[in-house]
Amino acid sequence: GELRRVVRPGGRVVILECLRPARPRFFFDRILNPHVLPLIGREVTGAREAYRYLPDSIAHFRSTAELAAVMNEVGFASVETKALFPSGVATMVVAS
């Protein structure tokens, strides 16, 4: 709502957002996020639990459709999304 309030009529905003993927991604969801990234995090930070939060965190992200619906609800007239690699990140262009 605050974003919509500060965008002038006819204005556009581009958002880069982490989103919950529409479909499960075997490599990212079963291997990289729960196993590989925590190992890298432990080696880099020395903290055993580094990056173990990631799978649970991603599960609580909004989907592209959910975030687009929120943008429409707060008054943006159009919402265009484009998924970026590896489909858990997207750009959104919203216009008032």
PDB file of N, CA and C in Angstrom:
ATOM      1  N   GLY A   1       0.813  -1.197   0.000  1.00  0.00           N
ATOM      2  CA  GLY A   1       0.000   0.000   0.000  1.00  0.00           C
ATOM      3  C   GLY A   1       0.856   1.260   0.000  1.00  0.00           C
ATOM      4  N   GLU A   2       1.926   1.231   0.775  1.00  0.00           N
ATOM      5  CA  GLU A   2       2.809   2.403   0.840  1.00  0.00           C
ATOM      6  C   GLU A   2       3.493   2.640  -0.499  1.00  0.00           C
ATOM      7  N   LEU A   3       3.887   1.569  -1.157  1.00  0.00           N
ATOM      8  CA  LEU A   3       4.509   1.705  -2.471  1.00  0.00           C
ATOM      9  C   LEU A   3       3.533   2.353  -3.445  1.00  0.00           C
ATOM     10  N   ARG A   4       2.305   1.922  -3.426  1.00  0.00           N
ATOM     11  CA  ARG A   4       1.288   2.501  -4.320  1.00  0.00           C
ATOM     12  C   ARG A   4       1.069   3.973  -3.987  1.00  0.00           C
ATOM     13  N   ARG A   5       1.106   4.311  -2.714  1.00  0.00           N
ATOM     14  CA  ARG A   5       0.865   5.695  -2.300  1.00  0.00           C
ATOM     15  C   ARG A   5       1.912   6.651  -2.861  1.00  0.00           C
ATOM     16  N   VAL A   6       3.170   6.207  -2.939  1.00  0.00           N
ATOM     17  CA  VAL A   6       4.234   7.124  -3.355  1.00  0.00           C
ATOM     18  C   VAL A   6       4.499   7.115  -4.860  1.00  0.00           C
ATOM     19  N   VAL A   7       3.848   6.236  -5.606  1.00  0.00           N
ATOM     20  CA  VAL A   7       4.017   6.223  -7.061  1.00  0.00           C
ATOM     21  C   VAL A   7       2.976   7.141  -7.678  1.00  0.00           C
ATOM     22  N   ARG A   8       3.458   8.095  -8.463  1.00  0.00           N
ATOM     23  CA  ARG A   8       2.517   9.051  -9.061  1.00  0.00           C
ATOM     24  C   ARG A   8       1.655   8.359 -10.117  1.00  0.00           C
ATOM     25  N   PRO A   9       0.492   8.909 -10.417  1.00  0.00           N
ATOM     26  CA  PRO A   9      -0.374   8.325 -11.442  1.00  0.00           C
ATOM     27  C   PRO A   9       0.380   8.161 -12.766  1.00  0.00           C
ATOM     28  N   GLY A  10       0.256   6.996 -13.368  1.00  0.00           N
ATOM     29  CA  GLY A  10       0.956   6.699 -14.599  1.00  0.00           C
ATOM     30  C   GLY A  10       2.382   6.214 -14.390  1.00  0.00           C
ATOM     31  N   GLY A  11       2.838   6.209 -13.128  1.00  0.00           N
ATOM     32  CA  GLY A  11       4.195   5.782 -12.824  1.00  0.00           C
ATOM     33  C   GLY A  11       4.350   4.273 -12.859  1.00  0.00           C
ATOM     34  N   ARG A  12       5.605   3.837 -12.968  1.00  0.00           N
ATOM     35  CA  ARG A  12       5.919   2.405 -12.986  1.00  0.00           C
ATOM     36  C   ARG A  12       7.000   2.116 -11.966  1.00  0.00           C
ATOM     37  N   VAL A  13       6.958   0.906 -11.425  1.00  0.00           N
ATOM     38  CA  VAL A  13       7.949   0.450 -10.461  1.00  0.00           C
ATOM     39  C   VAL A  13       8.439  -0.915 -10.926  1.00  0.00           C
ATOM     40  N   VAL A  14       9.745  -1.136 -10.869  1.00  0.00           N
ATOM     41  CA  VAL A  14      10.303  -2.446 -11.183  1.00  0.00           C
ATOM     42  C   VAL A  14      10.819  -3.045  -9.882  1.00  0.00           C
ATOM     43  N   ILE A  15      10.400  -4.262  -9.599  1.00  0.00           N
ATOM     44  CA  ILE A  15      10.737  -4.940  -8.354  1.00  0.00           C
ATOM     45  C   ILE A  15      11.480  -6.224  -8.685  1.00  0.00           C
ATOM     46  N   LEU A  16      12.580  -6.477  -8.001  1.00  0.00           N
ATOM     47  CA  LEU A  16      13.271  -7.762  -8.088  1.00  0.00           C
ATOM     48  C   LEU A  16      12.958  -8.485  -6.791  1.00  0.00           C
ATOM     49  N   GLU A  17      12.305  -9.623  -6.881  1.00  0.00           N
ATOM     50  CA  GLU A  17      11.778 -10.276  -5.685  1.00  0.00           C
ATOM     51  C   GLU A  17      12.081 -11.764  -5.686  1.00  0.00           C
ATOM     52  N   CYS A  18      12.370 -12.300  -4.507  1.00  0.00           N
ATOM     53  CA  CYS A  18      12.471 -13.751  -4.326  1.00  0.00           C
ATOM     54  C   CYS A  18      11.062 -14.275  -4.096  1.00  0.00           C
ATOM     55  N   LEU A  19      10.682 -15.273  -4.846  1.00  0.00           N
ATOM     56  CA  LEU A  19       9.331 -15.814  -4.787  1.00  0.00           C
ATOM     57  C   LEU A  19       9.374 -17.327  -4.669  1.00  0.00           C
ATOM     58  N   ARG A  20       8.286 -17.878  -4.163  1.00  0.00           N
ATOM     59  CA  ARG A  20       8.165 -19.334  -4.090  1.00  0.00           C
ATOM     60  C   ARG A  20       7.931 -19.850  -5.513  1.00  0.00           C
ATOM     61  N   PRO A  21       8.712 -20.798  -5.971  1.00  0.00           N
ATOM     62  CA  PRO A  21       8.542 -21.306  -7.333  1.00  0.00           C
ATOM     63  C   PRO A  21       7.167 -21.941  -7.521  1.00  0.00           C
ATOM     64  N   ALA A  22       6.664 -21.854  -8.733  1.00  0.00           N
ATOM     65  CA  ALA A  22       5.353 -22.430  -9.047  1.00  0.00           C
ATOM     66  C   ALA A  22       5.392 -23.953  -8.994  1.00  0.00           C
ATOM     67  N   ARG A  23       6.533 -24.536  -9.379  1.00  0.00           N
ATOM     68  CA  ARG A  23       6.689 -25.993  -9.377  1.00  0.00           C
ATOM     69  C   ARG A  23       7.912 -26.356  -8.558  1.00  0.00           C
ATOM     70  N   PRO A  24       7.903 -27.527  -7.940  1.00  0.00           N
ATOM     71  CA  PRO A  24       9.104 -27.984  -7.232  1.00  0.00           C
ATOM     72  C   PRO A  24      10.281 -28.105  -8.199  1.00  0.00           C
ATOM     73  N   ARG A  25      11.465 -27.780  -7.701  1.00  0.00           N
ATOM     74  CA  ARG A  25      12.690 -27.868  -8.501  1.00  0.00           C
ATOM     75  C   ARG A  25      13.614 -28.853  -7.799  1.00  0.00           C
ATOM     76  N   PHE A  26      13.740 -30.056  -8.341  1.00  0.00           N
ATOM     77  CA  PHE A  26      14.441 -31.137  -7.655  1.00  0.00           C
ATOM     78  C   PHE A  26      15.829 -30.719  -7.179  1.00  0.00           C
ATOM     79  N   PHE A  27      16.676 -30.244  -8.065  1.00  0.00           N
ATOM     80  CA  PHE A  27      18.049 -29.931  -7.684  1.00  0.00           C
ATOM     81  C   PHE A  27      18.105 -28.843  -6.610  1.00  0.00           C
ATOM     82  N   PHE A  28      17.376 -27.757  -6.805  1.00  0.00           N
ATOM     83  CA  PHE A  28      17.432 -26.647  -5.856  1.00  0.00           C
ATOM     84  C   PHE A  28      16.749 -26.983  -4.535  1.00  0.00           C
ATOM     85  N   ASP A  29      15.575 -27.608  -4.619  1.00  0.00           N
ATOM     86  CA  ASP A  29      14.772 -27.860  -3.414  1.00  0.00           C
ATOM     87  C   ASP A  29      15.231 -29.075  -2.613  1.00  0.00           C
ATOM     88  N   ARG A  30      15.809 -30.073  -3.267  1.00  0.00           N
ATOM     89  CA  ARG A  30      16.187 -31.315  -2.581  1.00  0.00           C
ATOM     90  C   ARG A  30      17.683 -31.453  -2.321  1.00  0.00           C
ATOM     91  N   ILE A  31      18.502 -30.739  -3.121  1.00  0.00           N
ATOM     92  CA  ILE A  31      19.951 -30.910  -2.988  1.00  0.00           C
ATOM     93  C   ILE A  31      20.650 -29.610  -2.592  1.00  0.00           C
ATOM     94  N   LEU A  32      20.552 -28.589  -3.435  1.00  0.00           N
ATOM     95  CA  LEU A  32      21.319 -27.363  -3.218  1.00  0.00           C
ATOM     96  C   LEU A  32      20.949 -26.646  -1.921  1.00  0.00           C
ATOM     97  N   ASN A  33      19.690 -26.246  -1.783  1.00  0.00           N
ATOM     98  CA  ASN A  33      19.292 -25.454  -0.609  1.00  0.00           C
ATOM     99  C   ASN A  33      19.430 -26.191   0.719  1.00  0.00           C
ATOM    100  N   PRO A  34      18.970 -27.445   0.834  1.00  0.00           N
ATOM    101  CA  PRO A  34      19.067 -28.086   2.153  1.00  0.00           C
ATOM    102  C   PRO A  34      20.423 -28.697   2.487  1.00  0.00           C
ATOM    103  N   HIS A  35      21.257 -28.995   1.483  1.00  0.00           N
ATOM    104  CA  HIS A  35      22.503 -29.705   1.761  1.00  0.00           C
ATOM    105  C   HIS A  35      23.768 -28.935   1.373  1.00  0.00           C
ATOM    106  N   VAL A  36      23.830 -28.454   0.139  1.00  0.00           N
ATOM    107  CA  VAL A  36      25.054 -27.813  -0.358  1.00  0.00           C
ATOM    108  C   VAL A  36      25.263 -26.434   0.257  1.00  0.00           C
ATOM    109  N   LEU A  37      24.250 -25.579   0.239  1.00  0.00           N
ATOM    110  CA  LEU A  37      24.422 -24.233   0.788  1.00  0.00           C
ATOM    111  C   LEU A  37      24.778 -24.226   2.275  1.00  0.00           C
ATOM    112  N   PRO A  38      24.184 -25.096   3.104  1.00  0.00           N
ATOM    113  CA  PRO A  38      24.629 -25.132   4.497  1.00  0.00           C
ATOM    114  C   PRO A  38      26.101 -25.524   4.649  1.00  0.00           C
ATOM    115  N   LEU A  39      26.581 -26.427   3.798  1.00  0.00           N
ATOM    116  CA  LEU A  39      28.001 -26.795   3.854  1.00  0.00           C
ATOM    117  C   LEU A  39      28.886 -25.602   3.495  1.00  0.00           C
ATOM    118  N   ILE A  40      28.500 -24.895   2.446  1.00  0.00           N
ATOM    119  CA  ILE A  40      29.258 -23.708   2.047  1.00  0.00           C
ATOM    120  C   ILE A  40      29.184 -22.653   3.145  1.00  0.00           C
ATOM    121  N   GLY A  41      27.996 -22.449   3.699  1.00  0.00           N
ATOM    122  CA  GLY A  41      27.826 -21.479   4.780  1.00  0.00           C
ATOM    123  C   GLY A  41      28.684 -21.809   5.985  1.00  0.00           C
ATOM    124  N   ARG A  42      28.765 -23.082   6.332  1.00  0.00           N
ATOM    125  CA  ARG A  42      29.593 -23.501   7.466  1.00  0.00           C
ATOM    126  C   ARG A  42      31.067 -23.228   7.190  1.00  0.00           C
ATOM    127  N   GLU A  43      31.509 -23.528   5.975  1.00  0.00           N
ATOM    128  CA  GLU A  43      32.910 -23.297   5.633  1.00  0.00           C
ATOM    129  C   GLU A  43      33.255 -21.813   5.624  1.00  0.00           C
ATOM    130  N   VAL A  44      32.355 -20.987   5.125  1.00  0.00           N
ATOM    131  CA  VAL A  44      32.619 -19.554   5.021  1.00  0.00           C
ATOM    132  C   VAL A  44      32.499 -18.854   6.367  1.00  0.00           C
ATOM    133  N   THR A  45      31.459 -19.188   7.126  1.00  0.00           N
ATOM    134  CA  THR A  45      31.190 -18.453   8.373  1.00  0.00           C
ATOM    135  C   THR A  45      31.695 -19.168   9.619  1.00  0.00           C
ATOM    136  N   GLY A  46      31.915 -20.462   9.522  1.00  0.00           N
ATOM    137  CA  GLY A  46      32.293 -21.240  10.697  1.00  0.00           C
ATOM    138  C   GLY A  46      31.092 -21.609  11.554  1.00  0.00           C
ATOM    139  N   ALA A  47      29.916 -21.149  11.168  1.00  0.00           N
ATOM    140  CA  ALA A  47      28.690 -21.434  11.923  1.00  0.00           C
ATOM    141  C   ALA A  47      28.030 -22.681  11.349  1.00  0.00           C
ATOM    142  N   ARG A  48      27.848 -23.670  12.194  1.00  0.00           N
ATOM    143  CA  ARG A  48      27.289 -24.942  11.744  1.00  0.00           C
ATOM    144  C   ARG A  48      25.883 -24.810  11.162  1.00  0.00           C
ATOM    145  N   GLU A  49      25.095 -23.913  11.702  1.00  0.00           N
ATOM    146  CA  GLU A  49      23.706 -23.762  11.250  1.00  0.00           C
ATOM    147  C   GLU A  49      23.526 -22.735  10.139  1.00  0.00           C
ATOM    148  N   ALA A  50      24.619 -22.188   9.636  1.00  0.00           N
ATOM    149  CA  ALA A  50      24.507 -21.173   8.590  1.00  0.00           C
ATOM    150  C   ALA A  50      23.747 -21.717   7.380  1.00  0.00           C
ATOM    151  N   TYR A  51      22.775 -20.995   6.955  1.00  0.00           N
ATOM    152  CA  TYR A  51      21.974 -21.278   5.763  1.00  0.00           C
ATOM    153  C   TYR A  51      21.044 -22.478   5.899  1.00  0.00           C
ATOM    154  N   ARG A  52      20.901 -23.062   7.062  1.00  0.00           N
ATOM    155  CA  ARG A  52      19.941 -24.159   7.240  1.00  0.00           C
ATOM    156  C   ARG A  52      18.495 -23.647   7.214  1.00  0.00           C
ATOM    157  N   TYR A  53      18.327 -22.359   7.404  1.00  0.00           N
ATOM    158  CA  TYR A  53      16.996 -21.748   7.403  1.00  0.00           C
ATOM    159  C   TYR A  53      16.408 -21.658   6.003  1.00  0.00           C
ATOM    160  N   LEU A  54      17.235 -21.757   4.971  1.00  0.00           N
ATOM    161  CA  LEU A  54      16.814 -21.430   3.616  1.00  0.00           C
ATOM    162  C   LEU A  54      15.595 -22.201   3.112  1.00  0.00           C
ATOM    163  N   PRO A  55      15.527 -23.535   3.178  1.00  0.00           N
ATOM    164  CA  PRO A  55      14.337 -24.232   2.665  1.00  0.00           C
ATOM    165  C   PRO A  55      13.039 -23.797   3.347  1.00  0.00           C
ATOM    166  N   ASP A  56      13.069 -23.628   4.668  1.00  0.00           N
ATOM    167  CA  ASP A  56      11.859 -23.187   5.371  1.00  0.00           C
ATOM    168  C   ASP A  56      11.489 -21.760   4.987  1.00  0.00           C
ATOM    169  N   SER A  57      12.492 -20.927   4.817  1.00  0.00           N
ATOM    170  CA  SER A  57      12.241 -19.542   4.431  1.00  0.00           C
ATOM    171  C   SER A  57      11.587 -19.466   3.055  1.00  0.00           C
ATOM    172  N   ILE A  58      12.120 -20.208   2.103  1.00  0.00           N
ATOM    173  CA  ILE A  58      11.575 -20.201   0.744  1.00  0.00           C
ATOM    174  C   ILE A  58      10.138 -20.713   0.738  1.00  0.00           C
ATOM    175  N   ALA A  59       9.840 -21.698   1.563  1.00  0.00           N
ATOM    176  CA  ALA A  59       8.474 -22.239   1.629  1.00  0.00           C
ATOM    177  C   ALA A  59       7.459 -21.188   2.064  1.00  0.00           C
ATOM    178  N   HIS A  60       7.908 -20.142   2.766  1.00  0.00           N
ATOM    179  CA  HIS A  60       7.005 -19.090   3.221  1.00  0.00           C
ATOM    180  C   HIS A  60       6.938 -17.882   2.283  1.00  0.00           C
ATOM    181  N   PHE A  61       7.718 -17.889   1.199  1.00  0.00           N
ATOM    182  CA  PHE A  61       7.647 -16.807   0.215  1.00  0.00           C
ATOM    183  C   PHE A  61       6.285 -16.845  -0.465  1.00  0.00           C
ATOM    184  N   ARG A  62       5.872 -15.717  -0.995  1.00  0.00           N
ATOM    185  CA  ARG A  62       4.669 -15.682  -1.821  1.00  0.00           C
ATOM    186  C   ARG A  62       5.010 -16.218  -3.205  1.00  0.00           C
ATOM    187  N   SER A  63       3.994 -16.740  -3.882  1.00  0.00           N
ATOM    188  CA  SER A  63       4.172 -17.128  -5.280  1.00  0.00           C
ATOM    189  C   SER A  63       4.032 -15.868  -6.137  1.00  0.00           C
ATOM    190  N   THR A  64       4.399 -15.988  -7.400  1.00  0.00           N
ATOM    191  CA  THR A  64       4.247 -14.859  -8.321  1.00  0.00           C
ATOM    192  C   THR A  64       2.795 -14.406  -8.367  1.00  0.00           C
ATOM    193  N   ALA A  65       1.880 -15.353  -8.471  1.00  0.00           N
ATOM    194  CA  ALA A  65       0.446 -15.022  -8.548  1.00  0.00           C
ATOM    195  C   ALA A  65      -0.036 -14.344  -7.271  1.00  0.00           C
ATOM    196  N   GLU A  66       0.437 -14.807  -6.111  1.00  0.00           N
ATOM    197  CA  GLU A  66       0.013 -14.197  -4.842  1.00  0.00           C
ATOM    198  C   GLU A  66       0.504 -12.754  -4.728  1.00  0.00           C
ATOM    199  N   LEU A  67       1.767 -12.510  -5.100  1.00  0.00           N
ATOM    200  CA  LEU A  67       2.282 -11.147  -5.014  1.00  0.00           C
ATOM    201  C   LEU A  67       1.606 -10.240  -6.037  1.00  0.00           C
ATOM    202  N   ALA A  68       1.341 -10.753  -7.230  1.00  0.00           N
ATOM    203  CA  ALA A  68       0.619  -9.972  -8.239  1.00  0.00           C
ATOM    204  C   ALA A  68      -0.772  -9.604  -7.728  1.00  0.00           C
ATOM    205  N   ALA A  69      -1.443 -10.527  -7.054  1.00  0.00           N
ATOM    206  CA  ALA A  69      -2.772 -10.244  -6.493  1.00  0.00           C
ATOM    207  C   ALA A  69      -2.700  -9.143  -5.442  1.00  0.00           C
ATOM    208  N   VAL A  70      -1.668  -9.169  -4.601  1.00  0.00           N
ATOM    209  CA  VAL A  70      -1.495  -8.114  -3.595  1.00  0.00           C
ATOM    210  C   VAL A  70      -1.306  -6.764  -4.281  1.00  0.00           C
ATOM    211  N   MET A  71      -0.482  -6.730  -5.317  1.00  0.00           N
ATOM    212  CA  MET A  71      -0.247  -5.479  -6.041  1.00  0.00           C
ATOM    213  C   MET A  71      -1.531  -4.942  -6.653  1.00  0.00           C
ATOM    214  N   ASN A  72      -2.364  -5.841  -7.193  1.00  0.00           N
ATOM    215  CA  ASN A  72      -3.663  -5.409  -7.722  1.00  0.00           C
ATOM    216  C   ASN A  72      -4.581  -4.908  -6.621  1.00  0.00           C
ATOM    217  N   GLU A  73      -4.577  -5.598  -5.487  1.00  0.00           N
ATOM    218  CA  GLU A  73      -5.438  -5.206  -4.362  1.00  0.00           C
ATOM    219  C   GLU A  73      -5.120  -3.816  -3.840  1.00  0.00           C
ATOM    220  N   VAL A  74      -3.851  -3.424  -3.844  1.00  0.00           N
ATOM    221  CA  VAL A  74      -3.483  -2.106  -3.317  1.00  0.00           C
ATOM    222  C   VAL A  74      -3.639  -1.008  -4.357  1.00  0.00           C
ATOM    223  N   GLY A  75      -4.041  -1.383  -5.582  1.00  0.00           N
ATOM    224  CA  GLY A  75      -4.382  -0.361  -6.552  1.00  0.00           C
ATOM    225  C   GLY A  75      -3.512  -0.236  -7.782  1.00  0.00           C
ATOM    226  N   PHE A  76      -2.541  -1.124  -7.963  1.00  0.00           N
ATOM    227  CA  PHE A  76      -1.775  -1.063  -9.198  1.00  0.00           C
ATOM    228  C   PHE A  76      -2.632  -1.627 -10.327  1.00  0.00           C
ATOM    229  N   ALA A  77      -2.669  -0.907 -11.448  1.00  0.00           N
ATOM    230  CA  ALA A  77      -3.547  -1.286 -12.557  1.00  0.00           C
ATOM    231  C   ALA A  77      -3.028  -2.473 -13.339  1.00  0.00           C
ATOM    232  N   SER A  78      -1.727  -2.564 -13.496  1.00  0.00           N
ATOM    233  CA  SER A  78      -1.187  -3.699 -14.242  1.00  0.00           C
ATOM    234  C   SER A  78       0.049  -4.234 -13.546  1.00  0.00           C
ATOM    235  N   VAL A  79       0.208  -5.534 -13.654  1.00  0.00           N
ATOM    236  CA  VAL A  79       1.356  -6.212 -13.059  1.00  0.00           C
ATOM    237  C   VAL A  79       1.886  -7.189 -14.099  1.00  0.00           C
ATOM    238  N   GLU A  80       3.149  -7.014 -14.495  1.00  0.00           N
ATOM    239  CA  GLU A  80       3.798  -7.926 -15.432  1.00  0.00           C
ATOM    240  C   GLU A  80       4.931  -8.608 -14.685  1.00  0.00           C
ATOM    241  N   THR A  81       5.039  -9.921 -14.822  1.00  0.00           N
ATOM    242  CA  THR A  81       6.116 -10.648 -14.141  1.00  0.00           C
ATOM    243  C   THR A  81       6.962 -11.405 -15.154  1.00  0.00           C
ATOM    244  N   LYS A  82       8.220 -11.561 -14.812  1.00  0.00           N
ATOM    245  CA  LYS A  82       9.132 -12.351 -15.642  1.00  0.00           C
ATOM    246  C   LYS A  82      10.009 -13.166 -14.708  1.00  0.00           C
ATOM    247  N   ALA A  83       9.881 -14.491 -14.798  1.00  0.00           N
ATOM    248  CA  ALA A  83      10.692 -15.376 -13.970  1.00  0.00           C
ATOM    249  C   ALA A  83      12.141 -15.320 -14.439  1.00  0.00           C
ATOM    250  N   LEU A  84      13.048 -15.309 -13.483  1.00  0.00           N
ATOM    251  CA  LEU A  84      14.476 -15.326 -13.772  1.00  0.00           C
ATOM    252  C   LEU A  84      15.067 -16.617 -13.247  1.00  0.00           C
ATOM    253  N   PHE A  85      16.241 -16.967 -13.692  1.00  0.00           N
ATOM    254  CA  PHE A  85      16.895 -18.188 -13.235  1.00  0.00           C
ATOM    255  C   PHE A  85      17.091 -18.119 -11.742  1.00  0.00           C
ATOM    256  N   PRO A  86      16.862 -19.145 -10.990  1.00  0.00           N
ATOM    257  CA  PRO A  86      16.323 -20.459 -11.299  1.00  0.00           C
ATOM    258  C   PRO A  86      14.846 -20.573 -10.954  1.00  0.00           C
ATOM    259  N   SER A  87      14.078 -19.660 -11.359  1.00  0.00           N
ATOM    260  CA  SER A  87      12.623 -19.608 -11.189  1.00  0.00           C
ATOM    261  C   SER A  87      12.174 -19.330  -9.758  1.00  0.00           C
ATOM    262  N   GLY A  88      13.060 -18.943  -8.893  1.00  0.00           N
ATOM    263  CA  GLY A  88      12.673 -18.528  -7.552  1.00  0.00           C
ATOM    264  C   GLY A  88      12.839 -17.024  -7.399  1.00  0.00           C
ATOM    265  N   VAL A  89      13.251 -16.388  -8.483  1.00  0.00           N
ATOM    266  CA  VAL A  89      13.454 -14.944  -8.503  1.00  0.00           C
ATOM    267  C   VAL A  89      12.716 -14.419  -9.718  1.00  0.00           C
ATOM    268  N   ALA A  90      12.075 -13.269  -9.566  1.00  0.00           N
ATOM    269  CA  ALA A  90      11.346 -12.691 -10.689  1.00  0.00           C
ATOM    270  C   ALA A  90      11.418 -11.179 -10.628  1.00  0.00           C
ATOM    271  N   THR A  91      11.248 -10.573 -11.794  1.00  0.00           N
ATOM    272  CA  THR A  91      11.058  -9.135 -11.824  1.00  0.00           C
ATOM    273  C   THR A  91       9.575  -8.894 -11.989  1.00  0.00           C
ATOM    274  N   MET A  92       9.097  -7.830 -11.397  1.00  0.00           N
ATOM    275  CA  MET A  92       7.715  -7.423 -11.543  1.00  0.00           C
ATOM    276  C   MET A  92       7.710  -5.960 -11.930  1.00  0.00           C
ATOM    277  N   VAL A  93       6.959  -5.629 -12.976  1.00  0.00           N
ATOM    278  CA  VAL A  93       6.764  -4.252 -13.353  1.00  0.00           C
ATOM    279  C   VAL A  93       5.322  -3.938 -13.034  1.00  0.00           C
ATOM    280  N   VAL A  94       5.126  -2.988 -12.137  1.00  0.00           N
ATOM    281  CA  VAL A  94       3.762  -2.602 -11.765  1.00  0.00           C
ATOM    282  C   VAL A  94       3.542  -1.164 -12.186  1.00  0.00           C
ATOM    283  N   ALA A  95       2.352  -0.891 -12.682  1.00  0.00           N
ATOM    284  CA  ALA A  95       2.021   0.452 -13.147  1.00  0.00           C
ATOM    285  C   ALA A  95       0.743   0.903 -12.475  1.00  0.00           C
ATOM    286  N   SER A  96       0.717   2.202 -12.168  1.00  0.00           N
ATOM    287  CA  SER A  96      -0.467   2.758 -11.511  1.00  0.00           C
ATOM    288  C   SER A  96      -1.481   3.202 -12.541  1.00  0.00           C
TER     289      SER A  96
END
